[in-house]
Amino acid sequence: MMLPPEDYARAVREADYHIQMVIEAVDIRADEAILSGNVVKVFRGSPALEGTSMKLRVDCFSPGENDEWPPDGIGRFPAEALHAGRVLEALVN
């Protein structure tokens, strides 16, 4: 599920950093995942971030475990969607 366009535009404006990263490793622990990867594009923030390693913590859920997306489309990701080799766009404060 995606944010409505006006909410996405506001989130992009308010974020300190807006990056794209390639996920290289995923460590899932209960209801959270630690994503490790490299920044491949910087939309907002220092261009020097491009090519740097980064770790992000995101909330997730396992198949069969209350697998409904939240009404706002943000907050928790399906664990099976968080695989190495995927690309993630992130708004980070």
Protein backbone atom coordinates (compact mmCIF):
# COMPACT_ATOMS: atom_id res chain seq x y z
CA MET A 1 0.00 0.00 0.00
CA MET A 2 1.26 3.46 -0.77
CA LEU A 3 0.76 6.75 0.97
CA PRO A 4 -1.64 9.17 -0.67
CA PRO A 5 0.34 11.52 -2.95
CA GLU A 6 -0.11 14.56 -0.69
CA ASP A 7 1.15 12.62 2.38
CA TYR A 8 4.13 11.25 0.44
CA ALA A 9 5.02 14.75 -0.81
CA ARG A 10 4.83 16.12 2.74
CA ALA A 11 6.98 13.26 4.11
CA VAL A 12 9.60 13.89 1.41
CA ARG A 13 9.66 17.63 2.21
CA GLU A 14 10.02 17.03 5.95
CA ALA A 15 12.62 14.24 5.87
CA ASP A 16 16.20 15.08 6.77
CA TYR A 17 17.41 12.38 4.38
CA HIS A 18 15.78 10.74 1.37
CA ILE A 19 17.88 7.87 0.08
CA GLN A 20 17.74 4.71 -1.97
CA MET A 21 19.70 1.70 -0.73
CA VAL A 22 20.40 -1.79 -1.95
CA ILE A 23 19.67 -4.30 0.81
CA GLU A 24 22.64 -6.64 1.27
CA ALA A 25 21.62 -8.43 4.47
CA VAL A 26 18.46 -8.83 6.52
CA ASP A 27 18.41 -9.84 10.19
CA ILE A 28 14.84 -10.53 11.33
CA ARG A 29 14.19 -10.68 15.06
CA ALA A 30 10.57 -11.16 16.15
CA ASP A 31 8.74 -8.07 14.91
CA GLU A 32 11.67 -6.04 13.62
CA ALA A 33 14.31 -6.34 10.93
CA ILE A 34 17.75 -4.79 10.64
CA LEU A 35 18.50 -4.02 7.00
CA SER A 36 22.14 -3.59 6.04
CA GLY A 37 23.09 -2.17 2.69
CA ASN A 38 24.68 0.54 0.63
CA VAL A 39 23.25 3.88 -0.37
CA VAL A 40 23.01 4.01 -4.16
CA LYS A 41 21.18 7.33 -4.59
CA VAL A 42 20.70 10.43 -2.45
CA PHE A 43 17.60 12.49 -3.18
CA ARG A 44 17.98 14.73 -0.09
CA GLY A 45 20.98 15.01 2.17
CA SER A 46 24.69 15.04 1.56
CA PRO A 47 25.70 13.53 -1.81
CA ALA A 48 28.69 12.10 0.09
CA LEU A 49 26.30 9.48 1.53
CA GLU A 50 26.21 7.73 -1.84
CA GLY A 51 28.22 4.52 -1.62
CA THR A 52 28.23 4.42 2.18
CA SER A 53 27.05 1.46 4.25
CA MET A 54 23.93 1.93 6.31
CA LYS A 55 21.74 -0.04 8.70
CA LEU A 56 18.04 0.66 9.13
CA ARG A 57 15.65 -0.85 11.65
CA VAL A 58 12.13 -1.45 10.36
CA ASP A 59 9.09 -3.09 11.91
CA CYS A 60 7.91 -6.25 10.17
CA PHE A 61 5.49 -9.13 10.49
CA SER A 62 5.72 -12.82 9.58
CA PRO A 63 3.25 -14.66 7.33
CA GLY A 64 0.05 -15.45 9.21
CA GLU A 65 0.86 -13.01 12.00
CA ASN A 66 -1.69 -10.22 11.74
CA ASP A 67 -0.65 -9.71 8.14
CA GLU A 68 -2.92 -6.77 7.49
CA TRP A 69 -1.22 -3.63 6.28
CA PRO A 70 -1.88 -0.68 8.58
CA PRO A 71 -4.46 1.80 7.22
CA ASP A 72 -1.82 4.47 6.52
CA GLY A 73 0.36 2.05 4.52
CA ILE A 74 3.40 2.62 6.69
CA GLY A 75 4.79 1.14 9.82
CA ARG A 76 5.32 -2.58 9.22
CA PHE A 77 6.64 -4.57 6.28
CA PRO A 78 5.95 -8.22 5.43
CA ALA A 79 9.09 -10.11 6.52
CA GLU A 80 9.24 -12.07 3.25
CA ALA A 81 9.44 -8.78 1.29
CA LEU A 82 12.70 -7.84 3.02
CA HIS A 83 15.24 -9.84 1.04
CA ALA A 84 18.83 -9.11 0.18
CA GLY A 85 19.19 -7.66 -3.30
CA ARG A 86 16.06 -5.57 -3.10
CA VAL A 87 16.11 -1.80 -3.30
CA LEU A 88 14.50 0.33 -0.60
CA GLU A 89 13.65 4.01 -0.76
CA ALA A 90 13.80 5.53 2.71
CA LEU A 91 12.85 8.83 4.30
CA VAL A 92 15.05 9.15 7.38
CA ASN A 93 15.05 11.71 10.19
